All heavy atoms as atom14 arrays in JSON, in Angstrom:
{
  "sequence": "LESEGLIQTVPHSGTYVSTVSFHELRDLFEVRSYLISLAGKLSAR",
  "atom14_mask": [
    [1, 1, 1, 1, 1, 1, 1, 1, 0, 0, 0, 0, 0, 0],
    [1, 1, 1, 1, 1, 1, 1, 1, 1, 0, 0, 0, 0, 0],
    [1, 1, 1, 1, 1, 1, 0, 0, 0, 0, 0, 0, 0, 0],
    [1, 1, 1, 1, 1, 1, 1, 1, 1, 0, 0, 0, 0, 0],
    [1, 1, 1, 1, 0, 0, 0, 0, 0, 0, 0, 0, 0, 0],
    [1, 1, 1, 1, 1, 1, 1, 1, 0, 0, 0, 0, 0, 0],
    [1, 1, 1, 1, 1, 1, 1, 1, 0, 0, 0, 0, 0, 0],
    [1, 1, 1, 1, 1, 1, 1, 1, 1, 0, 0, 0, 0, 0],
    [1, 1, 1, 1, 1, 1, 1, 0, 0, 0, 0, 0, 0, 0],
    [1, 1, 1, 1, 1, 1, 1, 0, 0, 0, 0, 0, 0, 0],
    [1, 1, 1, 1, 1, 1, 1, 0, 0, 0, 0, 0, 0, 0],
    [1, 1, 1, 1, 1, 1, 1, 1, 1, 1, 0, 0, 0, 0],
    [1, 1, 1, 1, 1, 1, 0, 0, 0, 0, 0, 0, 0, 0],
    [1, 1, 1, 1, 0, 0, 0, 0, 0, 0, 0, 0, 0, 0],
    [1, 1, 1, 1, 1, 1, 1, 0, 0, 0, 0, 0, 0, 0],
    [1, 1, 1, 1, 1, 1, 1, 1, 1, 1, 1, 1, 0, 0],
    [1, 1, 1, 1, 1, 1, 1, 0, 0, 0, 0, 0, 0, 0],
    [1, 1, 1, 1, 1, 1, 0, 0, 0, 0, 0, 0, 0, 0],
    [1, 1, 1, 1, 1, 1, 1, 0, 0, 0, 0, 0, 0, 0],
    [1, 1, 1, 1, 1, 1, 1, 0, 0, 0, 0, 0, 0, 0],
    [1, 1, 1, 1, 1, 1, 0, 0, 0, 0, 0, 0, 0, 0],
    [1, 1, 1, 1, 1, 1, 1, 1, 1, 1, 1, 0, 0, 0],
    [1, 1, 1, 1, 1, 1, 1, 1, 1, 1, 0, 0, 0, 0],
    [1, 1, 1, 1, 1, 1, 1, 1, 1, 0, 0, 0, 0, 0],
    [1, 1, 1, 1, 1, 1, 1, 1, 0, 0, 0, 0, 0, 0],
    [1, 1, 1, 1, 1, 1, 1, 1, 1, 1, 1, 0, 0, 0],
    [1, 1, 1, 1, 1, 1, 1, 1, 0, 0, 0, 0, 0, 0],
    [1, 1, 1, 1, 1, 1, 1, 1, 0, 0, 0, 0, 0, 0],
    [1, 1, 1, 1, 1, 1, 1, 1, 1, 1, 1, 0, 0, 0],
    [1, 1, 1, 1, 1, 1, 1, 1, 1, 0, 0, 0, 0, 0],
    [1, 1, 1, 1, 1, 1, 1, 0, 0, 0, 0, 0, 0, 0],
    [1, 1, 1, 1, 1, 1, 1, 1, 1, 1, 1, 0, 0, 0],
    [1, 1, 1, 1, 1, 1, 0, 0, 0, 0, 0, 0, 0, 0],
    [1, 1, 1, 1, 1, 1, 1, 1, 1, 1, 1, 1, 0, 0],
    [1, 1, 1, 1, 1, 1, 1, 1, 0, 0, 0, 0, 0, 0],
    [1, 1, 1, 1, 1, 1, 1, 1, 0, 0, 0, 0, 0, 0],
    [1, 1, 1, 1, 1, 1, 0, 0, 0, 0, 0, 0, 0, 0],
    [1, 1, 1, 1, 1, 1, 1, 1, 0, 0, 0, 0, 0, 0],
    [1, 1, 1, 1, 1, 0, 0, 0, 0, 0, 0, 0, 0, 0],
    [1, 1, 1, 1, 0, 0, 0, 0, 0, 0, 0, 0, 0, 0],
    [1, 1, 1, 1, 1, 1, 1, 1, 1, 0, 0, 0, 0, 0],
    [1, 1, 1, 1, 1, 1, 1, 1, 0, 0, 0, 0, 0, 0],
    [1, 1, 1, 1, 1, 1, 0, 0, 0, 0, 0, 0, 0, 0],
    [1, 1, 1, 1, 1, 0, 0, 0, 0, 0, 0, 0, 0, 0],
    [1, 1, 1, 1, 1, 1, 1, 1, 1, 1, 1, 0, 0, 0]
  ],
  "atom14_positions": [
    [[2.58, 12.59, -35.24], [3.28, 12.39, -33.97], [3.37, 10.91, -33.61], [4.38, 10.45, -33.07], [2.57, 13.16, -32.86], [2.63, 14.68, -32.95], [1.72, 15.31, -31.9], [4.06, 15.19, -32.76], [0.0, 0.0, 0.0], [0.0, 0.0, 0.0], [0.0, 0.0, 0.0], [0.0, 0.0, 0.0], [0.0, 0.0, 0.0], [0.0, 0.0, 0.0]],
    [[2.33, 10.16, -33.91], [2.35, 8.72, -33.62], [3.36, 8.01, -34.51], [4.03, 7.07, -34.06], [0.95, 8.13, -33.78], [0.84, 6.71, -33.26], [-0.58, 6.31, -32.92], [-1.53, 6.97, -33.39], [-0.75, 5.34, -32.16], [0.0, 0.0, 0.0], [0.0, 0.0, 0.0], [0.0, 0.0, 0.0], [0.0, 0.0, 0.0], [0.0, 0.0, 0.0]],
    [[3.48, 8.45, -35.75], [4.45, 7.83, -36.66], [5.88, 8.07, -36.19], [6.79, 7.3, -36.52], [4.28, 8.38, -38.08], [4.76, 9.71, -38.19], [0.0, 0.0, 0.0], [0.0, 0.0, 0.0], [0.0, 0.0, 0.0], [0.0, 0.0, 0.0], [0.0, 0.0, 0.0], [0.0, 0.0, 0.0], [0.0, 0.0, 0.0], [0.0, 0.0, 0.0]],
    [[6.09, 9.13, -35.42], [7.42, 9.43, -34.89], [7.62, 8.87, -33.49], [8.66, 9.1, -32.86], [7.63, 10.95, -34.87], [7.63, 11.56, -36.27], [7.91, 13.05, -36.27], [8.29, 13.59, -35.2], [7.74, 13.69, -37.32], [0.0, 0.0, 0.0], [0.0, 0.0, 0.0], [0.0, 0.0, 0.0], [0.0, 0.0, 0.0], [0.0, 0.0, 0.0]],
    [[6.62, 8.13, -32.99], [6.76, 7.46, -31.7], [6.58, 8.37, -30.51], [6.95, 8.0, -29.39], [0.0, 0.0, 0.0], [0.0, 0.0, 0.0], [0.0, 0.0, 0.0], [0.0, 0.0, 0.0], [0.0, 0.0, 0.0], [0.0, 0.0, 0.0], [0.0, 0.0, 0.0], [0.0, 0.0, 0.0], [0.0, 0.0, 0.0], [0.0, 0.0, 0.0]],
    [[6.01, 9.56, -30.71], [5.88, 10.52, -29.61], [4.56, 10.4, -28.86], [4.46, 10.81, -27.71], [6.05, 11.95, -30.13], [7.44, 12.26, -30.7], [7.47, 13.66, -31.29], [8.51, 12.13, -29.62], [0.0, 0.0, 0.0], [0.0, 0.0, 0.0], [0.0, 0.0, 0.0], [0.0, 0.0, 0.0], [0.0, 0.0, 0.0], [0.0, 0.0, 0.0]],
    [[3.54, 9.86, -29.53], [2.25, 9.63, -28.87], [1.74, 8.26, -29.27], [2.24, 7.64, -30.21], [1.19, 10.7, -29.23], [0.83, 10.61, -30.72], [1.67, 12.09, -28.86], [-0.34, 11.5, -31.11], [0.0, 0.0, 0.0], [0.0, 0.0, 0.0], [0.0, 0.0, 0.0], [0.0, 0.0, 0.0], [0.0, 0.0, 0.0], [0.0, 0.0, 0.0]],
    [[0.73, 7.79, -28.54], [0.07, 6.54, -28.91], [-1.42, 6.67, -28.65], [-1.84, 7.29, -27.67], [0.65, 5.35, -28.14], [0.58, 5.47, -26.63], [1.22, 4.3, -25.92], [1.83, 3.44, -26.55], [1.09, 4.26, -24.61], [0.0, 0.0, 0.0], [0.0, 0.0, 0.0], [0.0, 0.0, 0.0], [0.0, 0.0, 0.0], [0.0, 0.0, 0.0]],
    [[-2.19, 6.11, -29.55], [-3.64, 6.15, -29.43], [-4.13, 4.81, -28.91], [-3.81, 3.77, -29.47], [-4.3, 6.45, -30.78], [-3.84, 7.73, -31.24], [-5.81, 6.5, -30.65], [0.0, 0.0, 0.0], [0.0, 0.0, 0.0], [0.0, 0.0, 0.0], [0.0, 0.0, 0.0], [0.0, 0.0, 0.0], [0.0, 0.0, 0.0], [0.0, 0.0, 0.0]],
    [[-4.89, 4.86, -27.83], [-5.45, 3.64, -27.23], [-6.94, 3.6, -27.57], [-7.68, 4.52, -27.19], [-5.26, 3.64, -25.7], [-5.85, 2.37, -25.09], [-3.78, 3.79, -25.34], [0.0, 0.0, 0.0], [0.0, 0.0, 0.0], [0.0, 0.0, 0.0], [0.0, 0.0, 0.0], [0.0, 0.0, 0.0], [0.0, 0.0, 0.0], [0.0, 0.0, 0.0]],
    [[-7.38, 2.57, -28.3], [-8.8, 2.5, -28.68], [-9.74, 2.59, -27.48], [-9.47, 2.01, -26.42], [-8.9, 1.11, -29.34], [-7.52, 0.85, -29.86], [-6.6, 1.46, -28.84], [0.0, 0.0, 0.0], [0.0, 0.0, 0.0], [0.0, 0.0, 0.0], [0.0, 0.0, 0.0], [0.0, 0.0, 0.0], [0.0, 0.0, 0.0], [0.0, 0.0, 0.0]],
    [[-10.8, 3.37, -27.63], [-11.83, 3.55, -26.6], [-11.3, 4.21, -25.33], [-11.94, 4.16, -24.29], [-12.49, 2.21, -26.23], [-12.91, 1.4, -27.43], [-13.85, 1.85, -28.34], [-12.49, 0.2, -27.87], [-14.01, 0.93, -29.28], [-13.19, -0.07, -29.03], [0.0, 0.0, 0.0], [0.0, 0.0, 0.0], [0.0, 0.0, 0.0], [0.0, 0.0, 0.0]],
    [[-10.1, 4.79, -25.42], [-9.53, 5.44, -24.24], [-9.08, 6.87, -24.55], [-9.5, 7.81, -23.91], [-8.36, 4.63, -23.68], [-7.78, 5.29, -22.58], [0.0, 0.0, 0.0], [0.0, 0.0, 0.0], [0.0, 0.0, 0.0], [0.0, 0.0, 0.0], [0.0, 0.0, 0.0], [0.0, 0.0, 0.0], [0.0, 0.0, 0.0], [0.0, 0.0, 0.0]],
    [[-8.18, 7.01, -25.53], [-7.71, 8.34, -25.87], [-6.3, 8.32, -26.43], [-5.74, 7.27, -26.74], [0.0, 0.0, 0.0], [0.0, 0.0, 0.0], [0.0, 0.0, 0.0], [0.0, 0.0, 0.0], [0.0, 0.0, 0.0], [0.0, 0.0, 0.0], [0.0, 0.0, 0.0], [0.0, 0.0, 0.0], [0.0, 0.0, 0.0], [0.0, 0.0, 0.0]],
    [[-5.72, 9.5, -26.55], [-4.37, 9.67, -27.09], [-3.45, 10.14, -25.97], [-3.76, 11.08, -25.24], [-4.37, 10.7, -28.23], [-5.26, 10.26, -29.26], [-2.97, 10.87, -28.81], [0.0, 0.0, 0.0], [0.0, 0.0, 0.0], [0.0, 0.0, 0.0], [0.0, 0.0, 0.0], [0.0, 0.0, 0.0], [0.0, 0.0, 0.0], [0.0, 0.0, 0.0]],
    [[-2.3, 9.46, -25.84], [-1.39, 9.72, -24.73], [0.03, 9.95, -25.23], [0.44, 9.39, -26.25], [-1.38, 8.52, -23.76], [-2.74, 8.21, -23.17], [-3.65, 7.4, -23.86], [-3.12, 8.73, -21.93], [-4.9, 7.12, -23.33], [-4.36, 8.45, -21.4], [-5.25, 7.65, -22.1], [-6.49, 7.38, -21.57], [0.0, 0.0, 0.0], [0.0, 0.0, 0.0]],
    [[0.78, 10.75, -24.49], [2.2, 10.91, -24.76], [2.88, 9.58, -24.46], [2.68, 9.0, -23.39], [2.8, 12.03, -23.89], [4.31, 12.13, -24.12], [2.13, 13.36, -24.19], [0.0, 0.0, 0.0], [0.0, 0.0, 0.0], [0.0, 0.0, 0.0], [0.0, 0.0, 0.0], [0.0, 0.0, 0.0], [0.0, 0.0, 0.0], [0.0, 0.0, 0.0]],
    [[3.65, 9.09, -25.4], [4.25, 7.77, -25.24], [5.39, 7.8, -24.22], [6.01, 8.83, -23.99], [4.77, 7.25, -26.58], [5.76, 8.1, -27.09], [0.0, 0.0, 0.0], [0.0, 0.0, 0.0], [0.0, 0.0, 0.0], [0.0, 0.0, 0.0], [0.0, 0.0, 0.0], [0.0, 0.0, 0.0], [0.0, 0.0, 0.0], [0.0, 0.0, 0.0]],
    [[5.65, 6.66, -23.63], [6.77, 6.5, -22.7], [7.98, 5.99, -23.47], [7.87, 5.51, -24.6], [6.42, 5.52, -21.58], [6.07, 4.26, -22.16], [5.25, 6.04, -20.76], [0.0, 0.0, 0.0], [0.0, 0.0, 0.0], [0.0, 0.0, 0.0], [0.0, 0.0, 0.0], [0.0, 0.0, 0.0], [0.0, 0.0, 0.0], [0.0, 0.0, 0.0]],
    [[9.15, 6.07, -22.86], [10.39, 5.57, -23.46], [11.0, 4.57, -22.49], [11.37, 4.94, -21.37], [11.39, 6.7, -23.76], [12.63, 6.15, -24.45], [10.74, 7.77, -24.63], [0.0, 0.0, 0.0], [0.0, 0.0, 0.0], [0.0, 0.0, 0.0], [0.0, 0.0, 0.0], [0.0, 0.0, 0.0], [0.0, 0.0, 0.0], [0.0, 0.0, 0.0]],
    [[11.12, 3.33, -22.89], [11.68, 2.3, -22.01], [13.19, 2.27, -22.13], [13.78, 2.77, -23.09], [11.12, 0.92, -22.39], [11.64, 0.48, -23.63], [0.0, 0.0, 0.0], [0.0, 0.0, 0.0], [0.0, 0.0, 0.0], [0.0, 0.0, 0.0], [0.0, 0.0, 0.0], [0.0, 0.0, 0.0], [0.0, 0.0, 0.0], [0.0, 0.0, 0.0]],
    [[13.84, 1.65, -21.14], [15.3, 1.54, -21.17], [15.75, 0.72, -22.37], [16.76, 1.02, -23.0], [15.81, 0.9, -19.88], [17.31, 0.97, -19.74], [17.92, 2.13, -19.3], [18.1, -0.12, -20.07], [19.3, 2.21, -19.19], [19.48, -0.05, -19.96], [20.08, 1.12, -19.51], [0.0, 0.0, 0.0], [0.0, 0.0, 0.0], [0.0, 0.0, 0.0]],
    [[14.96, -0.32, -22.71], [15.29, -1.14, -23.88], [15.25, -0.31, -25.16], [16.13, -0.41, -26.02], [14.3, -2.31, -23.99], [14.49, -3.16, -25.21], [15.5, -4.09, -25.31], [13.81, -3.22, -26.4], [15.44, -4.69, -26.5], [14.42, -4.17, -27.17], [0.0, 0.0, 0.0], [0.0, 0.0, 0.0], [0.0, 0.0, 0.0], [0.0, 0.0, 0.0]],
    [[14.23, 0.53, -25.28], [14.12, 1.4, -26.45], [15.28, 2.38, -26.51], [15.82, 2.67, -27.58], [12.79, 2.16, -26.43], [11.58, 1.28, -26.7], [10.28, 2.02, -26.44], [10.23, 2.85, -25.52], [9.31, 1.75, -27.17], [0.0, 0.0, 0.0], [0.0, 0.0, 0.0], [0.0, 0.0, 0.0], [0.0, 0.0, 0.0], [0.0, 0.0, 0.0]],
    [[15.67, 2.89, -25.35], [16.79, 3.81, -25.3], [18.08, 3.16, -25.76], [18.88, 3.75, -26.49], [16.97, 4.35, -23.88], [15.97, 5.38, -23.4], [16.22, 5.69, -21.94], [16.06, 6.64, -24.23], [0.0, 0.0, 0.0], [0.0, 0.0, 0.0], [0.0, 0.0, 0.0], [0.0, 0.0, 0.0], [0.0, 0.0, 0.0], [0.0, 0.0, 0.0]],
    [[18.29, 1.93, -25.35], [19.5, 1.21, -25.76], [19.56, 1.09, -27.27], [20.6, 1.37, -27.91], [19.52, -0.19, -25.12], [20.8, -0.99, -25.41], [20.59, -2.45, -25.1], [19.57, -3.03, -25.99], [19.06, -4.25, -25.83], [19.44, -5.0, -24.83], [18.16, -4.7, -26.68], [0.0, 0.0, 0.0], [0.0, 0.0, 0.0], [0.0, 0.0, 0.0]],
    [[18.45, 0.68, -27.88], [18.41, 0.55, -29.33], [18.61, 1.9, -30.01], [19.32, 2.03, -31.01], [17.06, -0.03, -29.77], [16.88, -1.48, -29.32], [17.87, -2.1, -28.88], [15.74, -1.98, -29.4], [0.0, 0.0, 0.0], [0.0, 0.0, 0.0], [0.0, 0.0, 0.0], [0.0, 0.0, 0.0], [0.0, 0.0, 0.0], [0.0, 0.0, 0.0]],
    [[17.98, 2.93, -29.45], [18.06, 4.27, -30.01], [19.5, 4.78, -30.0], [19.99, 5.32, -30.99], [17.15, 5.18, -29.19], [16.97, 6.65, -29.55], [15.63, 7.13, -28.98], [18.09, 7.51, -29.01], [0.0, 0.0, 0.0], [0.0, 0.0, 0.0], [0.0, 0.0, 0.0], [0.0, 0.0, 0.0], [0.0, 0.0, 0.0], [0.0, 0.0, 0.0]],
    [[20.18, 4.59, -28.88], [21.54, 5.11, -28.76], [22.52, 4.36, -29.65], [23.49, 4.95, -30.15], [22.01, 5.05, -27.3], [21.39, 6.1, -26.44], [20.92, 5.81, -25.17], [21.26, 7.41, -26.9], [20.35, 6.78, -24.38], [20.69, 8.39, -26.11], [20.23, 8.08, -24.84], [0.0, 0.0, 0.0], [0.0, 0.0, 0.0], [0.0, 0.0, 0.0]],
    [[22.3, 3.07, -29.85], [23.17, 2.32, -30.75], [23.13, 2.9, -32.16], [24.16, 3.05, -32.81], [22.76, 0.85, -30.77], [23.18, 0.06, -29.55], [22.78, -1.4, -29.62], [22.04, -1.78, -30.56], [23.21, -2.16, -28.74], [0.0, 0.0, 0.0], [0.0, 0.0, 0.0], [0.0, 0.0, 0.0], [0.0, 0.0, 0.0], [0.0, 0.0, 0.0]],
    [[21.93, 3.24, -32.61], [21.78, 3.79, -33.95], [22.3, 5.22, -34.0], [23.05, 5.6, -34.92], [20.3, 3.75, -34.39], [20.12, 4.43, -35.74], [19.8, 2.32, -34.46], [0.0, 0.0, 0.0], [0.0, 0.0, 0.0], [0.0, 0.0, 0.0], [0.0, 0.0, 0.0], [0.0, 0.0, 0.0], [0.0, 0.0, 0.0], [0.0, 0.0, 0.0]],
    [[21.91, 6.02, -33.02], [22.28, 7.44, -33.05], [23.79, 7.64, -32.93], [24.36, 8.54, -33.55], [21.55, 8.2, -31.94], [21.69, 9.71, -32.11], [20.97, 10.51, -31.05], [21.26, 11.94, -31.25], [21.2, 12.85, -30.31], [20.84, 12.52, -29.09], [21.49, 14.1, -30.57], [0.0, 0.0, 0.0], [0.0, 0.0, 0.0], [0.0, 0.0, 0.0]],
    [[24.46, 6.8, -32.14], [25.9, 6.94, -31.97], [26.63, 6.78, -33.3], [27.6, 7.49, -33.59], [26.42, 5.92, -30.95], [25.93, 6.17, -29.67], [0.0, 0.0, 0.0], [0.0, 0.0, 0.0], [0.0, 0.0, 0.0], [0.0, 0.0, 0.0], [0.0, 0.0, 0.0], [0.0, 0.0, 0.0], [0.0, 0.0, 0.0], [0.0, 0.0, 0.0]],
    [[26.16, 5.85, -34.1], [26.77, 5.62, -35.41], [26.47, 6.78, -36.36], [27.36, 7.32, -37.02], [26.25, 4.31, -36.02], [26.75, 4.08, -37.42], [28.03, 3.6, -37.66], [25.93, 4.36, -38.52], [28.49, 3.4, -38.96], [26.38, 4.16, -39.81], [27.67, 3.68, -40.03], [28.12, 3.5, -41.31], [0.0, 0.0, 0.0], [0.0, 0.0, 0.0]],
    [[25.2, 7.2, -36.41], [24.8, 8.24, -37.35], [25.39, 9.59, -37.0], [25.73, 10.39, -37.89], [23.27, 8.34, -37.4], [22.52, 7.15, -38.0], [21.02, 7.42, -38.02], [23.02, 6.84, -39.4], [0.0, 0.0, 0.0], [0.0, 0.0, 0.0], [0.0, 0.0, 0.0], [0.0, 0.0, 0.0], [0.0, 0.0, 0.0], [0.0, 0.0, 0.0]],
    [[25.55, 9.88, -35.71], [26.07, 11.19, -35.32], [27.55, 11.31, -35.68], [28.04, 12.4, -36.03], [25.85, 11.44, -33.81], [25.85, 12.94, -33.52], [26.88, 10.74, -32.94], [25.39, 13.29, -32.12], [0.0, 0.0, 0.0], [0.0, 0.0, 0.0], [0.0, 0.0, 0.0], [0.0, 0.0, 0.0], [0.0, 0.0, 0.0], [0.0, 0.0, 0.0]],
    [[28.27, 10.2, -35.64], [29.67, 10.21, -36.07], [29.76, 10.46, -37.58], [30.6, 11.24, -38.05], [30.33, 8.87, -35.72], [31.67, 8.84, -36.19], [0.0, 0.0, 0.0], [0.0, 0.0, 0.0], [0.0, 0.0, 0.0], [0.0, 0.0, 0.0], [0.0, 0.0, 0.0], [0.0, 0.0, 0.0], [0.0, 0.0, 0.0], [0.0, 0.0, 0.0]],
    [[28.87, 9.84, -38.32], [28.82, 10.05, -39.78], [28.48, 11.51, -40.08], [29.07, 12.12, -40.98], [27.76, 9.14, -40.39], [27.48, 9.31, -41.9], [28.73, 9.04, -42.71], [26.33, 8.41, -42.34], [0.0, 0.0, 0.0], [0.0, 0.0, 0.0], [0.0, 0.0, 0.0], [0.0, 0.0, 0.0], [0.0, 0.0, 0.0], [0.0, 0.0, 0.0]],
    [[27.56, 12.09, -39.3], [27.19, 13.49, -39.5], [28.39, 14.41, -39.29], [28.58, 15.38, -40.04], [26.07, 13.87, -38.54], [0.0, 0.0, 0.0], [0.0, 0.0, 0.0], [0.0, 0.0, 0.0], [0.0, 0.0, 0.0], [0.0, 0.0, 0.0], [0.0, 0.0, 0.0], [0.0, 0.0, 0.0], [0.0, 0.0, 0.0], [0.0, 0.0, 0.0]],
    [[29.21, 14.12, -38.29], [30.4, 14.92, -38.05], [31.36, 14.89, -39.21], [31.91, 15.93, -39.62], [0.0, 0.0, 0.0], [0.0, 0.0, 0.0], [0.0, 0.0, 0.0], [0.0, 0.0, 0.0], [0.0, 0.0, 0.0], [0.0, 0.0, 0.0], [0.0, 0.0, 0.0], [0.0, 0.0, 0.0], [0.0, 0.0, 0.0], [0.0, 0.0, 0.0]],
    [[31.56, 13.71, -39.78], [32.48, 13.57, -40.92], [31.96, 14.3, -42.15], [32.71, 15.02, -42.83], [32.69, 12.09, -41.22], [33.43, 11.34, -40.13], [33.52, 9.86, -40.44], [34.22, 9.1, -39.31], [34.29, 7.64, -39.57], [0.0, 0.0, 0.0], [0.0, 0.0, 0.0], [0.0, 0.0, 0.0], [0.0, 0.0, 0.0], [0.0, 0.0, 0.0]],
    [[30.67, 14.13, -42.44], [30.1, 14.78, -43.62], [30.04, 16.29, -43.45], [30.24, 17.05, -44.41], [28.7, 14.23, -43.9], [28.63, 12.78, -44.37], [27.17, 12.35, -44.57], [29.41, 12.59, -45.67], [0.0, 0.0, 0.0], [0.0, 0.0, 0.0], [0.0, 0.0, 0.0], [0.0, 0.0, 0.0], [0.0, 0.0, 0.0], [0.0, 0.0, 0.0]],
    [[29.77, 16.74, -42.23], [29.72, 18.18, -41.98], [31.09, 18.82, -42.19], [31.19, 19.9, -42.78], [29.23, 18.44, -40.55], [29.21, 19.82, -40.28], [0.0, 0.0, 0.0], [0.0, 0.0, 0.0], [0.0, 0.0, 0.0], [0.0, 0.0, 0.0], [0.0, 0.0, 0.0], [0.0, 0.0, 0.0], [0.0, 0.0, 0.0], [0.0, 0.0, 0.0]],
    [[32.13, 18.17, -41.72], [33.49, 18.7, -41.91], [33.82, 18.84, -43.39], [34.57, 19.73, -43.79], [34.5, 17.8, -41.22], [0.0, 0.0, 0.0], [0.0, 0.0, 0.0], [0.0, 0.0, 0.0], [0.0, 0.0, 0.0], [0.0, 0.0, 0.0], [0.0, 0.0, 0.0], [0.0, 0.0, 0.0], [0.0, 0.0, 0.0], [0.0, 0.0, 0.0]],
    [[33.24, 17.98, -44.2], [33.48, 17.99, -45.64], [32.65, 19.07, -46.36], [33.09, 19.63, -47.36], [33.14, 16.61, -46.22], [33.58, 16.38, -47.65], [33.11, 15.01, -48.12], [33.52, 13.95, -47.19], [33.09, 12.69, -47.27], [32.2, 12.35, -48.19], [33.52, 11.79, -46.39], [0.0, 0.0, 0.0], [0.0, 0.0, 0.0], [0.0, 0.0, 0.0]]
  ]
}
């Protein structure tokens, strides 16, 4: 889960569900928008 960015382990504290910042969202959407278009083209094929 940590490798997928869904949780984070804080030393001497515990394991927490990770937060998602607006900056991270911007980067995420830039990548996903491109890949999802590619998925549509390949799926049609």
